[in-house]
C-alpha atoms as a PDB file:
ATOM      1  CA  MET A   1     134.582 143.553  88.793  1.00  0.00           C
ATOM      2  CA  SER A   2     138.089 144.791  89.469  1.00  0.00           C
ATOM      3  CA  GLY A   3     140.680 142.075  89.548  1.00  0.00           C
ATOM      4  CA  PHE A   4     144.213 141.482  88.535  1.00  0.00           C
ATOM      5  CA  SER A   5     145.235 139.501  85.519  1.00  0.00           C
ATOM      6  CA  LEU A   6     148.479 139.010  83.742  1.00  0.00           C
ATOM      7  CA  ASN A   7     146.975 139.542  80.295  1.00  0.00           C
ATOM      8  CA  GLY A   8     144.891 142.620  81.144  1.00  0.00           C
ATOM      9  CA  ARG A   9     141.464 141.176  80.167  1.00  0.00           C
ATOM     10  CA  ASN A  10     139.708 141.888  83.489  1.00  0.00           C
ATOM     11  CA  GLY A  11     141.463 145.135  84.306  1.00  0.00           C
ATOM     12  CA  GLU A  12     145.004 146.313  84.320  1.00  0.00           C
ATOM     13  CA  SER A  13     148.019 144.063  84.340  1.00  0.00           C
ATOM     14  CA  LEU A  14     149.935 143.506  87.541  1.00  0.00           C
ATOM     15  CA  LEU A  15     152.941 145.547  86.463  1.00  0.00           C
ATOM     16  CA  LYS A  16     150.795 148.561  85.580  1.00  0.00           C
ATOM     17  CA  ASN A  17     148.989 148.624  88.933  1.00  0.00           C
ATOM     18  CA  GLN A  18     150.362 151.309  91.259  1.00  0.00           C
ATOM     19  CA  LYS A  19     149.611 149.300  94.400  1.00  0.00           C
ATOM     20  CA  VAL A  20     151.574 146.312  93.146  1.00  0.00           C
ATOM     21  CA  LEU A  21     154.463 148.528  92.032  1.00  0.00           C
ATOM     22  CA  LEU A  22     154.523 150.208  95.452  1.00  0.00           C
ATOM     23  CA  LEU A  23     154.650 146.835  97.217  1.00  0.00           C
ATOM     24  CA  LEU A  24     157.436 145.691  94.896  1.00  0.00           C
ATOM     25  CA  ALA A  25     159.398 148.888  95.580  1.00  0.00           C
ATOM     26  CA  LEU A  26     158.980 148.452  99.358  1.00  0.00           C
ATOM     27  CA  ALA A  27     160.060 144.824  99.133  1.00  0.00           C
ATOM     28  CA  LEU A  28     163.108 145.795  97.090  1.00  0.00           C
ATOM     29  CA  ILE A  29     164.074 148.498  99.606  1.00  0.00           C
ATOM     30  CA  ALA A  30     163.660 146.019 102.488  1.00  0.00           C
ATOM     31  CA  VAL A  31     165.877 143.452 100.734  1.00  0.00           C
ATOM     32  CA  VAL A  32     168.600 146.007  99.978  1.00  0.00           C
ATOM     33  CA  VAL A  33     168.597 147.455 103.512  1.00  0.00           C
ATOM     34  CA  THR A  34     168.645 143.955 105.015  1.00  0.00           C
ATOM     35  CA  ALA A  35     171.606 143.040 102.818  1.00  0.00           C
ATOM     36  CA  ILE A  36     173.455 146.137 104.028  1.00  0.00           C
ATOM     37  CA  ASN A  37     172.521 145.716 107.699  1.00  0.00           C
ATOM     38  CA  PRO A  38     171.068 142.351 108.849  1.00  0.00           C
ATOM     39  CA  ASN A  39     169.831 143.970 112.098  1.00  0.00           C
ATOM     40  CA  PHE A  40     167.107 145.688 110.060  1.00  0.00           C
ATOM     41  CA  VAL A  41     164.783 142.661 110.225  1.00  0.00           C
ATOM     42  CA  GLU A  42     165.023 142.227 114.000  1.00  0.00           C
ATOM     43  CA  VAL A  43     161.727 142.387 115.874  1.00  0.00           C
ATOM     44  CA  ARG A  44     162.938 145.301 117.995  1.00  0.00           C
ATOM     45  CA  ASN A  45     163.679 147.388 114.898  1.00  0.00           C
ATOM     46  CA  ILE A  46     160.392 146.529 113.184  1.00  0.00           C
ATOM     47  CA  ILE A  47     158.445 147.531 116.315  1.00  0.00           C
ATOM     48  CA  SER A  48     160.396 150.796 116.406  1.00  0.00           C
ATOM     49  CA  ILE A  49     159.529 151.484 112.758  1.00  0.00           C
ATOM     50  CA  PHE A  50     155.825 150.829 113.396  1.00  0.00           C
ATOM     51  CA  GLU A  51     155.866 153.130 116.436  1.00  0.00           C
ATOM     52  CA  GLN A  52     157.340 155.948 114.380  1.00  0.00           C
ATOM     53  CA  VAL A  53     155.029 155.385 111.422  1.00  0.00           C
ATOM     54  CA  SER A  54     151.915 155.340 113.621  1.00  0.00           C
ATOM     55  CA  VAL A  55     152.369 159.006 114.567  1.00  0.00           C
ATOM     56  CA  LEU A  56     152.862 160.000 110.954  1.00  0.00           C
ATOM     57  CA  GLY A  57     149.852 157.901 109.974  1.00  0.00           C
ATOM     58  CA  ILE A  58     147.579 159.747 112.387  1.00  0.00           C
ATOM     59  CA  LEU A  59     148.844 163.112 111.154  1.00  0.00           C
ATOM     60  CA  THR A  60     148.440 161.969 107.552  1.00  0.00           C
ATOM     61  CA  VAL A  61     144.799 161.040 108.097  1.00  0.00           C
ATOM     62  CA  ALA A  62     144.138 164.432 109.690  1.00  0.00           C
ATOM     63  CA  MET A  63     145.890 166.225 106.845  1.00  0.00           C
ATOM     64  CA  ALA A  64     144.018 164.156 104.241  1.00  0.00           C
ATOM     65  CA  LEU A  65     140.685 165.201 105.763  1.00  0.00           C
ATOM     66  CA  LEU A  66     141.820 168.809 105.705  1.00  0.00           C
ATOM     67  CA  LEU A  67     142.952 168.605 102.082  1.00  0.00           C
ATOM     68  CA  ILE A  68     139.706 166.915 101.034  1.00  0.00           C
ATOM     69  CA  SER A  69     137.771 169.811 102.551  1.00  0.00           C
ATOM     70  CA  GLY A  70     139.860 172.269 100.529  1.00  0.00           C
ATOM     71  CA  GLY A  71     142.204 173.511 103.261  1.00  0.00           C
ATOM     72  CA  ILE A  72     145.884 173.174 103.989  1.00  0.00           C
ATOM     73  CA  ASP A  73     147.947 173.344 107.176  1.00  0.00           C
ATOM     74  CA  LEU A  74     151.718 173.538 106.974  1.00  0.00           C
ATOM     75  CA  SER A  75     152.099 173.984 110.734  1.00  0.00           C
ATOM     76  CA  ILE A  76     150.948 170.479 111.685  1.00  0.00           C
ATOM     77  CA  GLY A  77     154.494 169.234 112.356  1.00  0.00           C
ATOM     78  CA  SER A  78     155.349 172.198 114.566  1.00  0.00           C
ATOM     79  CA  ILE A  79     152.054 171.832 116.429  1.00  0.00           C
ATOM     80  CA  MET A  80     152.924 168.176 117.027  1.00  0.00           C
ATOM     81  CA  ALA A  81     156.355 169.205 118.363  1.00  0.00           C
ATOM     82  CA  LEU A  82     154.806 171.809 120.686  1.00  0.00           C
ATOM     83  CA  ALA A  83     152.227 169.336 121.988  1.00  0.00           C
ATOM     84  CA  GLY A  84     155.002 166.798 122.587  1.00  0.00           C
ATOM     85  CA  VAL A  85     157.002 169.358 124.571  1.00  0.00           C
ATOM     86  CA  VAL A  86     153.935 170.244 126.644  1.00  0.00           C
ATOM     87  CA  ILE A  87     153.253 166.574 127.353  1.00  0.00           C
ATOM     88  CA  SER A  88     156.880 165.879 128.234  1.00  0.00           C
ATOM     89  CA  ARG A  89     157.172 168.921 130.512  1.00  0.00           C
ATOM     90  CA  ILE A  90     154.071 167.946 132.475  1.00  0.00           C
ATOM     91  CA  ILE A  91     155.122 164.299 132.804  1.00  0.00           C
ATOM     92  CA  MET A  92     158.622 165.291 133.923  1.00  0.00           C
ATOM     93  CA  SER A  93     157.268 167.723 136.512  1.00  0.00           C
ATOM     94  CA  SER A  94     154.128 166.036 137.853  1.00  0.00           C
ATOM     95  CA  GLY A  95     154.175 162.466 136.549  1.00  0.00           C
ATOM     96  CA  SER A  96     150.493 162.653 135.613  1.00  0.00           C
ATOM     97  CA  VAL A  97     149.993 161.061 132.204  1.00  0.00           C
ATOM     98  CA  TRP A  98     146.294 161.968 131.978  1.00  0.00           C
ATOM     99  CA  LEU A  99     146.947 165.608 132.761  1.00  0.00           C
ATOM    100  CA  ALA A 100     149.826 165.653 130.273  1.00  0.00           C
ATOM    101  CA  VAL A 101     147.778 164.133 127.447  1.00  0.00           C
ATOM    102  CA  LEU A 102     144.883 166.487 128.159  1.00  0.00           C
ATOM    103  CA  ALA A 103     147.231 169.494 128.154  1.00  0.00           C
ATOM    104  CA  GLY A 104     148.894 168.298 124.928  1.00  0.00           C
ATOM    105  CA  LEU A 105     145.528 167.917 123.187  1.00  0.00           C
ATOM    106  CA  LEU A 106     144.419 171.279 124.512  1.00  0.00           C
ATOM    107  CA  SER A 107     147.597 173.007 123.317  1.00  0.00           C
ATOM    108  CA  ALA A 108     147.291 171.475 119.830  1.00  0.00           C
ATOM    109  CA  THR A 109     143.620 172.450 119.664  1.00  0.00           C
ATOM    110  CA  LEU A 110     144.460 175.978 120.749  1.00  0.00           C
ATOM    111  CA  CYS A 111     147.118 176.221 118.023  1.00  0.00           C
ATOM    112  CA  GLY A 112     144.585 175.082 115.432  1.00  0.00           C
ATOM    113  CA  LEU A 113     142.074 177.593 116.767  1.00  0.00           C
ATOM    114  CA  VAL A 114     144.637 180.399 116.504  1.00  0.00           C
ATOM    115  CA  ASN A 115     145.400 179.385 112.914  1.00  0.00           C
ATOM    116  CA  GLY A 116     141.711 179.277 112.062  1.00  0.00           C
ATOM    117  CA  MET A 117     140.962 182.615 113.714  1.00  0.00           C
ATOM    118  CA  ILE A 118     143.818 184.387 111.930  1.00  0.00           C
ATOM    119  CA  ILE A 119     142.805 182.911 108.570  1.00  0.00           C
ATOM    120  CA  THR A 120     139.140 183.755 109.069  1.00  0.00           C
ATOM    121  CA  LEU A 121     139.594 187.263 110.441  1.00  0.00           C
ATOM    122  CA  THR A 122     142.258 188.385 107.982  1.00  0.00           C
ATOM    123  CA  LYS A 123     140.888 186.462 104.982  1.00  0.00           C
ATOM    124  CA  THR A 124     144.477 185.495 104.158  1.00  0.00           C
ATOM    125  CA  MET A 125     145.454 182.301 102.355  1.00  0.00           C
ATOM    126  CA  PRO A 126     145.842 179.370 104.789  1.00  0.00           C
ATOM    127  CA  LEU A 127     149.133 178.444 103.123  1.00  0.00           C
ATOM    128  CA  ILE A 128     150.747 181.720 104.182  1.00  0.00           C
ATOM    129  CA  ILE A 129     149.344 181.821 107.715  1.00  0.00           C
ATOM    130  CA  THR A 130     150.121 178.191 108.561  1.00  0.00           C
ATOM    131  CA  LEU A 131     153.631 178.464 107.123  1.00  0.00           C
ATOM    132  CA  GLY A 132     154.337 181.503 109.290  1.00  0.00           C
ATOM    133  CA  MET A 133     152.690 180.020 112.364  1.00  0.00           C
ATOM    134  CA  ALA A 134     154.767 176.855 111.941  1.00  0.00           C
ATOM    135  CA  GLY A 135     157.810 178.939 112.804  1.00  0.00           C
ATOM    136  CA  VAL A 136     156.030 180.496 115.774  1.00  0.00           C
ATOM    137  CA  TYR A 137     154.960 177.106 117.156  1.00  0.00           C
ATOM    138  CA  PHE A 138     158.380 175.558 116.610  1.00  0.00           C
ATOM    139  CA  ALA A 139     160.089 178.490 118.319  1.00  0.00           C
ATOM    140  CA  THR A 140     157.632 178.215 121.214  1.00  0.00           C
ATOM    141  CA  ALA A 141     158.393 174.502 121.542  1.00  0.00           C
ATOM    142  CA  LEU A 142     162.128 175.203 121.454  1.00  0.00           C
ATOM    143  CA  MET A 143     161.854 177.911 124.127  1.00  0.00           C
ATOM    144  CA  ALA A 144     159.612 175.737 126.319  1.00  0.00           C
ATOM    145  CA  SER A 145     161.990 172.785 126.105  1.00  0.00           C
ATOM    146  CA  GLY A 146     165.126 174.838 126.559  1.00  0.00           C
ATOM    147  CA  GLY A 147     166.738 172.851 123.765  1.00  0.00           C
ATOM    148  CA  PRO A 148     167.868 169.615 125.445  1.00  0.00           C
ATOM    149  CA  PHE A 149     166.456 166.150 124.802  1.00  0.00           C
ATOM    150  CA  MET A 150     163.102 165.603 126.518  1.00  0.00           C
ATOM    151  CA  HIS A 151     161.556 162.269 127.447  1.00  0.00           C
ATOM    152  CA  PHE A 152     158.373 160.803 128.820  1.00  0.00           C
ATOM    153  CA  SER A 153     160.173 159.041 131.694  1.00  0.00           C
ATOM    154  CA  GLY A 154     158.732 155.660 130.658  1.00  0.00           C
ATOM    155  CA  ALA A 155     155.247 156.917 131.543  1.00  0.00           C
ATOM    156  CA  PHE A 156     153.646 155.300 128.536  1.00  0.00           C
END
């Protein structure tokens, strides 16, 4: 049975548990930031934080599965940026959310396929290929966007 106790009889003490220490650190950071800027605890800001963290959470789960299987992909952030540009471009031009999401998924899948094909055919380390391709995908996203701020026009 794994439980928490203050004296350590049934497991580790609370202050030696990494989960408890992480929660304490997060609580301390929240208190300090709130003391500096009281707007931090507004509902609007908390929703914004959760929206931003949800994207990173999805990418983290994908990367965790990849790492568990023994692989690595350093281009995941650039692939996400490219897919976002593709989605934004299609929404701004046609207004079709379904087409945009499908094209974004297809572009990200194609990028992953290119990475996999290069790694498999050249028998090169995935670390090197995905690091190099990250630059290629980011440059492609930058050229496709033209550089200015892009938006989804409130489509979502």
